[in-house]
Amino acid sequence: DFCLSRGLGDVYKRQEYSVSFVPKLKIEVAVSDEMETTVHEALMQSASTGKIGDGKIFITSVDDVIRIRTGETGSEAI
């Protein structure tokens, strides 16, 4: 998903100002436990610029996965 965070706008000392929109990108990846470290390291290497706004990585568990079309579950569905 690609979205823009709304910039800030306000009046300060009778002067109106605004901050431009900041582009953001959301990537969601589901991988097996065995691939988690590899994917985590690849994301860190490709996304890191060393500047503010590089982003965050959230690692969460998925209890189960079901592929609707075939009925496959678990790692076979990923």
N, C-alpha and C. Protein backbone atom coordinates (compact mmCIF):
# COMPACT_ATOMS: atom_id res chain seq x y z
N ASP A 1 0.85 -1.18 0.00
CA ASP A 1 0.00 0.00 0.00
C ASP A 1 0.89 1.23 0.00
N PHE A 2 0.52 2.20 -0.79
CA PHE A 2 1.26 3.46 -0.83
C PHE A 2 0.32 4.54 -0.33
N CYS A 3 0.79 5.36 0.59
CA CYS A 3 -0.06 6.44 1.09
C CYS A 3 0.82 7.65 1.41
N LEU A 4 0.17 8.74 1.64
CA LEU A 4 0.87 9.96 2.04
C LEU A 4 0.38 10.38 3.40
N SER A 5 1.30 10.64 4.30
CA SER A 5 0.92 11.19 5.59
C SER A 5 0.65 12.66 5.40
N ARG A 6 -0.41 13.13 5.99
CA ARG A 6 -0.74 14.53 5.86
C ARG A 6 0.29 15.37 6.57
N GLY A 7 0.74 16.41 5.92
CA GLY A 7 1.68 17.32 6.53
C GLY A 7 1.00 18.15 7.61
N LEU A 8 1.78 18.76 8.44
CA LEU A 8 1.24 19.59 9.50
C LEU A 8 0.97 20.99 8.98
N GLY A 9 -0.08 21.59 9.44
CA GLY A 9 -0.38 22.97 9.07
C GLY A 9 -0.84 23.72 10.30
N ASP A 10 -0.43 24.96 10.44
CA ASP A 10 -0.79 25.70 11.63
C ASP A 10 -0.45 27.17 11.41
N VAL A 11 -0.81 27.96 12.37
CA VAL A 11 -0.45 29.37 12.36
C VAL A 11 0.44 29.61 13.57
N TYR A 12 1.61 30.21 13.33
CA TYR A 12 2.55 30.47 14.40
C TYR A 12 3.03 31.91 14.24
N LYS A 13 2.85 32.68 15.28
CA LYS A 13 3.23 34.09 15.26
C LYS A 13 2.65 34.79 14.04
N ARG A 14 1.34 34.59 13.85
CA ARG A 14 0.55 35.20 12.75
C ARG A 14 1.09 34.83 11.37
N GLN A 15 1.85 33.77 11.27
CA GLN A 15 2.37 33.33 9.99
C GLN A 15 1.89 31.90 9.75
N GLU A 16 1.21 31.71 8.63
CA GLU A 16 0.73 30.37 8.32
C GLU A 16 1.85 29.56 7.69
N TYR A 17 1.93 28.31 8.09
CA TYR A 17 2.95 27.44 7.51
C TYR A 17 2.36 26.05 7.32
N SER A 18 2.97 25.29 6.47
CA SER A 18 2.56 23.89 6.29
C SER A 18 3.78 23.06 5.96
N VAL A 19 3.68 21.81 6.33
CA VAL A 19 4.74 20.86 6.04
C VAL A 19 4.22 19.95 4.93
N SER A 20 5.03 19.68 3.94
CA SER A 20 4.61 18.90 2.79
C SER A 20 4.25 17.47 3.17
N PHE A 21 3.54 16.81 2.27
CA PHE A 21 3.21 15.41 2.47
C PHE A 21 4.47 14.57 2.42
N VAL A 22 4.48 13.53 3.23
CA VAL A 22 5.61 12.64 3.30
C VAL A 22 5.19 11.29 2.70
N PRO A 23 5.84 10.85 1.62
CA PRO A 23 5.44 9.57 1.02
C PRO A 23 5.81 8.40 1.93
N LYS A 24 4.92 7.42 2.00
CA LYS A 24 5.17 6.23 2.81
C LYS A 24 4.80 5.01 2.01
N LEU A 25 5.44 3.91 2.33
CA LEU A 25 5.20 2.66 1.66
C LEU A 25 5.04 1.59 2.72
N LYS A 26 3.99 0.78 2.60
CA LYS A 26 3.77 -0.30 3.55
C LYS A 26 3.92 -1.62 2.80
N ILE A 27 4.79 -2.46 3.31
CA ILE A 27 5.02 -3.78 2.71
C ILE A 27 4.68 -4.82 3.76
N GLU A 28 3.84 -5.77 3.40
CA GLU A 28 3.51 -6.87 4.29
C GLU A 28 4.01 -8.16 3.66
N VAL A 29 4.77 -8.93 4.43
CA VAL A 29 5.35 -10.16 3.93
C VAL A 29 5.06 -11.27 4.92
N ALA A 30 4.56 -12.40 4.43
CA ALA A 30 4.35 -13.57 5.27
C ALA A 30 5.35 -14.63 4.83
N VAL A 31 6.18 -15.06 5.76
CA VAL A 31 7.19 -16.07 5.45
C VAL A 31 7.21 -17.12 6.56
N SER A 32 7.81 -18.26 6.26
CA SER A 32 7.96 -19.30 7.27
C SER A 32 8.97 -18.84 8.32
N ASP A 33 8.93 -19.49 9.47
CA ASP A 33 9.86 -19.13 10.55
C ASP A 33 11.30 -19.25 10.09
N GLU A 34 11.59 -20.22 9.24
CA GLU A 34 12.95 -20.44 8.77
C GLU A 34 13.46 -19.27 7.92
N MET A 35 12.57 -18.57 7.24
CA MET A 35 12.94 -17.47 6.35
C MET A 35 12.94 -16.11 7.04
N GLU A 36 12.45 -16.03 8.26
CA GLU A 36 12.28 -14.74 8.95
C GLU A 36 13.57 -13.95 9.03
N THR A 37 14.65 -14.57 9.44
CA THR A 37 15.92 -13.85 9.59
C THR A 37 16.44 -13.37 8.24
N THR A 38 16.33 -14.21 7.22
CA THR A 38 16.80 -13.83 5.89
C THR A 38 16.03 -12.63 5.35
N VAL A 39 14.71 -12.66 5.50
CA VAL A 39 13.87 -11.56 5.01
C VAL A 39 14.13 -10.29 5.82
N HIS A 40 14.25 -10.44 7.13
CA HIS A 40 14.53 -9.31 8.02
C HIS A 40 15.83 -8.63 7.60
N GLU A 41 16.89 -9.41 7.38
CA GLU A 41 18.18 -8.85 6.99
C GLU A 41 18.12 -8.20 5.61
N ALA A 42 17.40 -8.81 4.68
CA ALA A 42 17.27 -8.24 3.34
C ALA A 42 16.53 -6.90 3.38
N LEU A 43 15.48 -6.81 4.19
CA LEU A 43 14.75 -5.54 4.32
C LEU A 43 15.63 -4.47 4.95
N MET A 44 16.37 -4.83 5.98
CA MET A 44 17.26 -3.87 6.64
C MET A 44 18.31 -3.35 5.65
N GLN A 45 18.89 -4.23 4.88
CA GLN A 45 19.94 -3.84 3.95
C GLN A 45 19.40 -2.95 2.83
N SER A 46 18.23 -3.29 2.32
CA SER A 46 17.72 -2.53 1.17
C SER A 46 17.04 -1.22 1.57
N ALA A 47 16.51 -1.13 2.79
CA ALA A 47 15.75 0.06 3.18
C ALA A 47 16.56 1.08 3.97
N SER A 48 17.69 0.69 4.48
CA SER A 48 18.45 1.57 5.36
C SER A 48 19.23 2.63 4.59
N THR A 49 18.94 3.90 4.91
CA THR A 49 19.71 5.01 4.36
C THR A 49 20.49 5.71 5.46
N GLY A 50 20.17 5.38 6.72
CA GLY A 50 20.82 6.04 7.85
C GLY A 50 20.21 7.39 8.18
N LYS A 51 19.08 7.71 7.54
CA LYS A 51 18.43 8.99 7.76
C LYS A 51 17.08 8.79 8.42
N ILE A 52 16.55 9.87 8.98
CA ILE A 52 15.22 9.83 9.57
C ILE A 52 14.22 9.42 8.49
N GLY A 53 13.30 8.54 8.85
CA GLY A 53 12.27 8.12 7.91
C GLY A 53 12.55 6.80 7.23
N ASP A 54 13.61 6.11 7.63
CA ASP A 54 13.90 4.80 7.04
C ASP A 54 12.77 3.81 7.30
N GLY A 55 12.04 3.99 8.36
CA GLY A 55 10.89 3.14 8.63
C GLY A 55 11.11 2.19 9.78
N LYS A 56 10.19 1.25 9.89
CA LYS A 56 10.20 0.27 10.97
C LYS A 56 9.86 -1.09 10.40
N ILE A 57 10.31 -2.12 11.07
CA ILE A 57 9.93 -3.48 10.74
C ILE A 57 9.20 -4.05 11.95
N PHE A 58 8.00 -4.52 11.74
CA PHE A 58 7.23 -5.18 12.79
C PHE A 58 7.22 -6.67 12.48
N ILE A 59 7.59 -7.49 13.44
CA ILE A 59 7.58 -8.93 13.26
C ILE A 59 6.52 -9.50 14.18
N THR A 60 5.53 -10.13 13.59
CA THR A 60 4.43 -10.71 14.37
C THR A 60 4.22 -12.15 13.94
N SER A 61 3.55 -12.89 14.78
CA SER A 61 3.22 -14.28 14.48
C SER A 61 1.89 -14.36 13.76
N VAL A 62 1.78 -15.33 12.89
CA VAL A 62 0.51 -15.63 12.23
C VAL A 62 0.10 -17.00 12.74
N ASP A 63 -1.06 -17.09 13.35
CA ASP A 63 -1.51 -18.35 13.94
C ASP A 63 -1.74 -19.42 12.89
N ASP A 64 -2.33 -19.06 11.78
CA ASP A 64 -2.59 -20.03 10.73
C ASP A 64 -2.83 -19.31 9.42
N VAL A 65 -2.65 -20.01 8.34
CA VAL A 65 -2.89 -19.49 7.00
C VAL A 65 -3.72 -20.52 6.26
N ILE A 66 -4.73 -20.06 5.54
CA ILE A 66 -5.56 -20.96 4.74
C ILE A 66 -5.69 -20.38 3.35
N ARG A 67 -5.29 -21.14 2.34
CA ARG A 67 -5.50 -20.72 0.96
C ARG A 67 -6.92 -21.13 0.58
N ILE A 68 -7.75 -20.15 0.30
CA ILE A 68 -9.17 -20.40 0.06
C ILE A 68 -9.39 -21.33 -1.13
N ARG A 69 -8.70 -21.08 -2.23
CA ARG A 69 -8.94 -21.85 -3.46
C ARG A 69 -8.69 -23.34 -3.29
N THR A 70 -7.58 -23.71 -2.62
CA THR A 70 -7.20 -25.11 -2.53
C THR A 70 -7.47 -25.73 -1.17
N GLY A 71 -7.69 -24.91 -0.15
CA GLY A 71 -7.89 -25.42 1.19
C GLY A 71 -6.59 -25.74 1.91
N GLU A 72 -5.43 -25.47 1.28
CA GLU A 72 -4.14 -25.71 1.92
C GLU A 72 -4.02 -24.85 3.18
N THR A 73 -3.31 -25.37 4.16
CA THR A 73 -3.13 -24.62 5.40
C THR A 73 -1.65 -24.62 5.77
N GLY A 74 -1.32 -23.78 6.73
CA GLY A 74 0.04 -23.72 7.24
C GLY A 74 1.04 -23.27 6.19
N SER A 75 2.26 -23.83 6.28
CA SER A 75 3.33 -23.38 5.39
C SER A 75 3.04 -23.70 3.92
N GLU A 76 2.23 -24.71 3.64
CA GLU A 76 1.87 -25.01 2.25
C GLU A 76 1.04 -23.87 1.63
N ALA A 77 0.33 -23.14 2.45
CA ALA A 77 -0.51 -22.04 1.96
C ALA A 77 0.29 -20.77 1.70
N ILE A 78 1.48 -20.68 2.28
CA ILE A 78 2.31 -19.50 2.06
C ILE A 78 2.98 -19.68 0.76
